[in-house]
N, C-alpha and C. Protein backbone atom coordinates (compact mmCIF):
# COMPACT_ATOMS: atom_id res chain seq x y z
N MET A 1 137.65 -166.46 82.48
CA MET A 1 136.71 -165.91 83.83
C MET A 1 137.23 -164.18 84.24
N PHE A 2 136.05 -162.97 84.84
CA PHE A 2 136.41 -162.30 84.74
C PHE A 2 135.43 -161.96 86.40
N LYS A 3 136.71 -161.60 87.15
CA LYS A 3 135.85 -160.81 88.61
C LYS A 3 136.51 -159.39 88.92
N ARG A 4 135.17 -159.10 89.91
CA ARG A 4 135.60 -157.70 90.36
C ARG A 4 134.57 -157.91 91.47
N ASN A 5 135.36 -157.00 92.64
CA ASN A 5 134.58 -156.86 93.93
C ASN A 5 134.38 -155.49 93.85
N VAL A 6 132.85 -155.55 94.23
CA VAL A 6 132.04 -153.97 94.80
C VAL A 6 131.35 -153.67 95.81
N LYS A 7 131.28 -152.71 96.81
CA LYS A 7 130.32 -152.64 97.46
C LYS A 7 129.03 -152.23 97.40
N VAL A 8 127.97 -152.82 97.93
CA VAL A 8 126.71 -152.12 98.12
C VAL A 8 126.89 -151.11 98.85
N MET A 9 126.06 -150.01 98.17
CA MET A 9 126.05 -149.00 98.55
C MET A 9 124.54 -148.65 98.88
N ASN A 10 123.71 -149.12 98.47
CA ASN A 10 122.58 -148.54 98.67
C ASN A 10 121.71 -148.88 100.18
N LYS A 11 120.72 -148.04 100.63
CA LYS A 11 120.33 -148.13 101.82
C LYS A 11 120.04 -149.81 102.18
N SER A 12 119.20 -150.14 101.54
CA SER A 12 118.38 -150.98 101.82
C SER A 12 119.14 -152.71 101.07
N GLY A 13 119.95 -152.49 100.58
CA GLY A 13 120.74 -153.58 99.86
C GLY A 13 120.29 -154.34 98.92
N LEU A 14 120.22 -155.53 98.60
CA LEU A 14 119.60 -156.23 97.13
C LEU A 14 118.20 -156.50 97.50
N HIS A 15 117.66 -155.82 97.97
CA HIS A 15 115.58 -156.19 97.88
C HIS A 15 115.11 -156.11 96.53
N ALA A 16 113.84 -156.11 97.10
CA ALA A 16 113.03 -156.68 95.40
C ALA A 16 113.53 -155.66 94.42
N ARG A 17 113.32 -154.29 94.09
CA ARG A 17 113.72 -153.31 93.15
C ARG A 17 115.02 -153.77 92.62
N PRO A 18 116.13 -153.25 93.88
CA PRO A 18 117.20 -153.66 92.73
C PRO A 18 117.55 -154.51 92.91
N ALA A 19 117.14 -155.95 93.39
CA ALA A 19 117.41 -157.33 92.66
C ALA A 19 117.17 -157.59 90.88
N ALA A 20 115.62 -156.86 91.23
CA ALA A 20 115.17 -157.41 89.81
C ALA A 20 115.96 -156.51 88.85
N MET A 21 116.12 -155.51 89.14
CA MET A 21 117.50 -154.82 88.20
C MET A 21 118.37 -155.28 87.67
N PHE A 22 119.22 -156.14 88.66
CA PHE A 22 120.35 -156.30 88.77
C PHE A 22 120.03 -157.57 87.76
N VAL A 23 119.32 -158.52 88.18
CA VAL A 23 118.80 -159.47 87.46
C VAL A 23 118.79 -159.51 86.00
N GLN A 24 118.14 -158.51 86.15
CA GLN A 24 117.76 -157.83 84.57
C GLN A 24 118.67 -157.67 83.91
N GLU A 25 119.69 -156.63 84.11
CA GLU A 25 120.80 -156.60 83.51
C GLU A 25 121.98 -157.73 83.39
N ALA A 26 122.03 -158.71 84.44
CA ALA A 26 122.80 -159.46 84.38
C ALA A 26 122.12 -160.68 83.01
N SER A 27 120.64 -160.87 82.99
CA SER A 27 120.37 -161.35 81.92
C SER A 27 120.24 -160.84 80.44
N LYS A 28 121.01 -159.89 79.92
CA LYS A 28 121.15 -159.38 79.12
C LYS A 28 122.31 -159.84 78.32
N PHE A 29 123.13 -160.59 78.94
CA PHE A 29 124.66 -161.06 78.64
C PHE A 29 124.46 -162.38 78.83
N GLN A 30 125.71 -162.91 77.51
CA GLN A 30 125.41 -164.54 77.22
C GLN A 30 126.15 -165.32 78.36
N SER A 31 127.10 -164.64 78.73
CA SER A 31 128.08 -165.03 80.07
C SER A 31 126.97 -165.50 81.28
N GLY A 32 127.86 -166.31 81.69
CA GLY A 32 127.21 -167.24 83.21
C GLY A 32 127.75 -165.83 84.32
N VAL A 33 126.81 -165.78 84.98
CA VAL A 33 126.90 -164.33 86.09
C VAL A 33 126.79 -164.99 87.52
N GLU A 34 127.67 -164.94 88.30
CA GLU A 34 127.23 -165.51 89.86
C GLU A 34 127.98 -164.16 90.48
N ILE A 35 126.99 -164.13 91.84
CA ILE A 35 127.83 -163.19 93.45
C ILE A 35 128.23 -164.45 93.97
N PHE A 36 129.70 -163.86 94.74
CA PHE A 36 130.12 -164.57 95.76
C PHE A 36 129.48 -163.29 97.02
N SER A 37 129.25 -163.84 97.99
CA SER A 37 129.19 -163.15 99.04
C SER A 37 128.89 -164.02 100.39
N ASN A 38 130.00 -163.69 101.30
CA ASN A 38 130.35 -164.20 102.87
C ASN A 38 130.08 -165.89 102.37
N ALA A 39 131.07 -166.13 101.44
CA ALA A 39 131.43 -167.34 101.17
C ALA A 39 130.53 -168.45 100.65
N LYS A 40 129.56 -167.83 99.83
CA LYS A 40 128.08 -168.31 99.07
C LYS A 40 128.02 -167.74 97.95
N LYS A 41 128.05 -168.94 96.93
CA LYS A 41 127.52 -168.61 95.54
C LYS A 41 125.91 -168.42 94.99
N PHE A 42 125.64 -167.68 94.48
CA PHE A 42 124.64 -166.97 94.07
C PHE A 42 124.39 -166.96 92.79
N ASN A 43 123.35 -167.74 91.82
CA ASN A 43 122.89 -167.06 90.34
C ASN A 43 122.65 -165.82 90.02
N ALA A 44 123.14 -164.70 89.30
CA ALA A 44 123.03 -163.44 88.87
C ALA A 44 121.64 -163.43 88.22
N LYS A 45 121.33 -164.70 87.35
CA LYS A 45 120.00 -164.20 86.61
C LYS A 45 118.97 -165.03 87.12
N SER A 46 118.64 -165.31 88.46
CA SER A 46 117.92 -165.92 89.07
C SER A 46 117.28 -164.74 90.20
N ILE A 47 116.02 -164.45 90.19
CA ILE A 47 115.60 -163.33 91.18
C ILE A 47 115.87 -164.11 92.56
N ILE A 48 115.25 -165.36 92.35
CA ILE A 48 115.32 -165.74 93.63
C ILE A 48 116.23 -166.25 94.05
N SER A 49 117.63 -166.45 93.48
CA SER A 49 118.68 -166.65 94.06
C SER A 49 119.16 -165.10 94.90
N ILE A 50 119.11 -164.19 93.88
CA ILE A 50 119.26 -163.01 94.43
C ILE A 50 118.45 -162.52 95.95
N LEU A 51 117.48 -162.47 95.64
CA LEU A 51 116.84 -162.41 97.07
C LEU A 51 117.04 -163.31 97.92
N SER A 52 117.15 -163.98 98.00
CA SER A 52 117.67 -165.34 99.41
C SER A 52 118.89 -165.02 99.54
N SER A 53 119.77 -164.41 98.81
CA SER A 53 121.28 -164.13 99.10
C SER A 53 121.04 -162.88 100.61
N GLY A 54 120.22 -162.26 100.96
CA GLY A 54 120.33 -161.37 101.72
C GLY A 54 121.36 -160.41 101.97
N ILE A 55 121.91 -159.95 101.13
CA ILE A 55 122.62 -158.92 100.53
C ILE A 55 122.60 -157.57 100.83
N MET A 56 123.19 -157.32 102.27
CA MET A 56 122.59 -155.83 102.76
C MET A 56 123.22 -154.96 102.16
N CYS A 57 123.30 -153.52 102.88
CA CYS A 57 124.14 -152.23 102.67
C CYS A 57 125.35 -152.45 103.73
N GLY A 58 126.59 -152.06 102.77
CA GLY A 58 127.46 -152.51 103.23
C GLY A 58 128.54 -153.78 102.72
N THR A 59 127.92 -154.91 102.13
CA THR A 59 128.67 -155.87 101.96
C THR A 59 129.15 -155.86 100.28
N GLU A 60 130.23 -156.27 100.86
CA GLU A 60 131.21 -156.35 99.74
C GLU A 60 130.71 -157.67 99.28
N ILE A 61 130.84 -157.97 97.95
CA ILE A 61 130.27 -158.88 96.86
C ILE A 61 131.28 -158.83 95.51
N GLU A 62 131.51 -159.99 94.97
CA GLU A 62 132.42 -160.43 94.16
C GLU A 62 131.07 -160.98 92.65
N ILE A 63 131.77 -160.15 91.98
CA ILE A 63 130.94 -160.21 90.55
C ILE A 63 131.58 -161.05 89.44
N CYS A 64 130.97 -162.16 89.48
CA CYS A 64 132.01 -162.90 88.48
C CYS A 64 131.48 -163.88 86.98
N ALA A 65 131.80 -163.79 86.04
CA ALA A 65 131.59 -163.73 84.83
C ALA A 65 132.34 -164.80 83.89
N ASP A 66 131.55 -165.53 83.12
CA ASP A 66 132.21 -166.86 82.21
C ASP A 66 131.65 -166.66 81.24
N GLY A 67 132.39 -166.08 80.01
CA GLY A 67 132.29 -166.22 78.78
C GLY A 67 132.59 -165.58 77.75
N ILE A 68 131.75 -165.13 76.43
CA ILE A 68 132.29 -164.43 75.45
C ILE A 68 132.20 -162.56 76.00
N ASP A 69 131.05 -162.22 76.76
CA ASP A 69 130.96 -160.95 77.00
C ASP A 69 131.06 -160.86 78.34
N GLU A 70 132.31 -161.70 79.45
CA GLU A 70 132.30 -161.58 80.73
C GLU A 70 132.92 -159.91 81.41
N VAL A 71 133.95 -159.70 80.44
CA VAL A 71 134.00 -158.19 80.98
C VAL A 71 133.43 -157.54 81.10
N GLU A 72 132.24 -157.32 79.77
CA GLU A 72 131.82 -156.24 79.53
C GLU A 72 130.42 -156.45 80.58
N ALA A 73 130.21 -157.61 80.89
CA ALA A 73 128.55 -158.09 82.18
C ALA A 73 129.43 -157.55 83.11
N VAL A 74 130.58 -157.82 84.11
CA VAL A 74 130.82 -157.88 85.19
C VAL A 74 131.01 -156.36 85.37
N ASN A 75 131.38 -155.52 84.32
CA ASN A 75 131.74 -154.09 84.72
C ASN A 75 130.51 -153.30 84.80
N GLN A 76 129.73 -153.37 84.14
CA GLN A 76 128.29 -152.94 83.85
C GLN A 76 127.25 -153.41 85.26
N LEU A 77 127.37 -154.73 85.39
CA LEU A 77 126.89 -155.15 86.81
C LEU A 77 127.55 -154.07 87.80
N ALA A 78 128.65 -154.18 88.01
CA ALA A 78 129.04 -153.25 89.12
C ALA A 78 129.05 -151.85 89.12
N GLU A 79 129.51 -151.01 87.77
CA GLU A 79 128.65 -149.90 87.82
C GLU A 79 127.16 -149.62 88.58
N LEU A 80 126.34 -150.85 88.07
CA LEU A 80 124.89 -150.32 88.21
C LEU A 80 124.90 -150.87 90.38
N VAL A 81 125.46 -151.85 90.62
CA VAL A 81 125.76 -151.70 91.97
C VAL A 81 126.51 -150.75 93.02
N GLU A 82 127.28 -150.07 92.33
CA GLU A 82 128.29 -148.71 92.65
C GLU A 82 127.00 -147.38 92.75
N SER A 83 125.99 -147.64 91.77
CA SER A 83 125.44 -146.07 91.55
C SER A 83 124.09 -146.12 92.61
N GLY A 84 124.22 -147.69 93.00
CA GLY A 84 123.22 -147.52 94.41
C GLY A 84 121.93 -147.72 93.63
N PHE A 85 121.68 -147.99 92.81
CA PHE A 85 120.65 -148.41 92.33
C PHE A 85 119.32 -147.25 91.96
N GLY A 86 119.92 -146.28 91.94
CA GLY A 86 119.14 -145.09 92.10
C GLY A 86 118.23 -144.62 93.67
N GLU A 87 119.00 -145.32 94.06
CA GLU A 87 118.83 -144.87 95.85
C GLU A 87 119.47 -144.67 96.50
N GLU A 88 119.06 -143.76 97.84
CA GLU A 88 120.18 -142.73 98.43
C GLU A 88 120.98 -144.05 99.05
N LYS A 89 122.59 -143.63 98.74
CA LYS A 89 123.49 -144.36 99.09
C LYS A 89 123.84 -143.96 100.27
N ILE A 90 124.80 -144.87 101.12
CA ILE A 90 125.04 -144.50 102.60
C ILE A 90 126.39 -144.19 102.82
N PHE A 91 127.62 -144.87 101.72
CA PHE A 91 128.99 -144.81 101.86
C PHE A 91 129.24 -143.38 100.64
């Protein structure tokens, strides 16, 4: 298992478009991928799970992956979050 903490930087958090981008990227990997936020676990390959997470700007999340491409999955997803999903970044 590989983990990495990142802060959500885009102004609107993981609303519909960024959530869809995140799920699309997570689904490219064979590893199981999850997000931990506020002591809750969310399936990173499920749009419903990500949208229900309520992750907002400034929230620190932990991205975890377990499988053969876990390091690549976590690092690419962390880079996507840190990029702000192409939106205005606050921090």
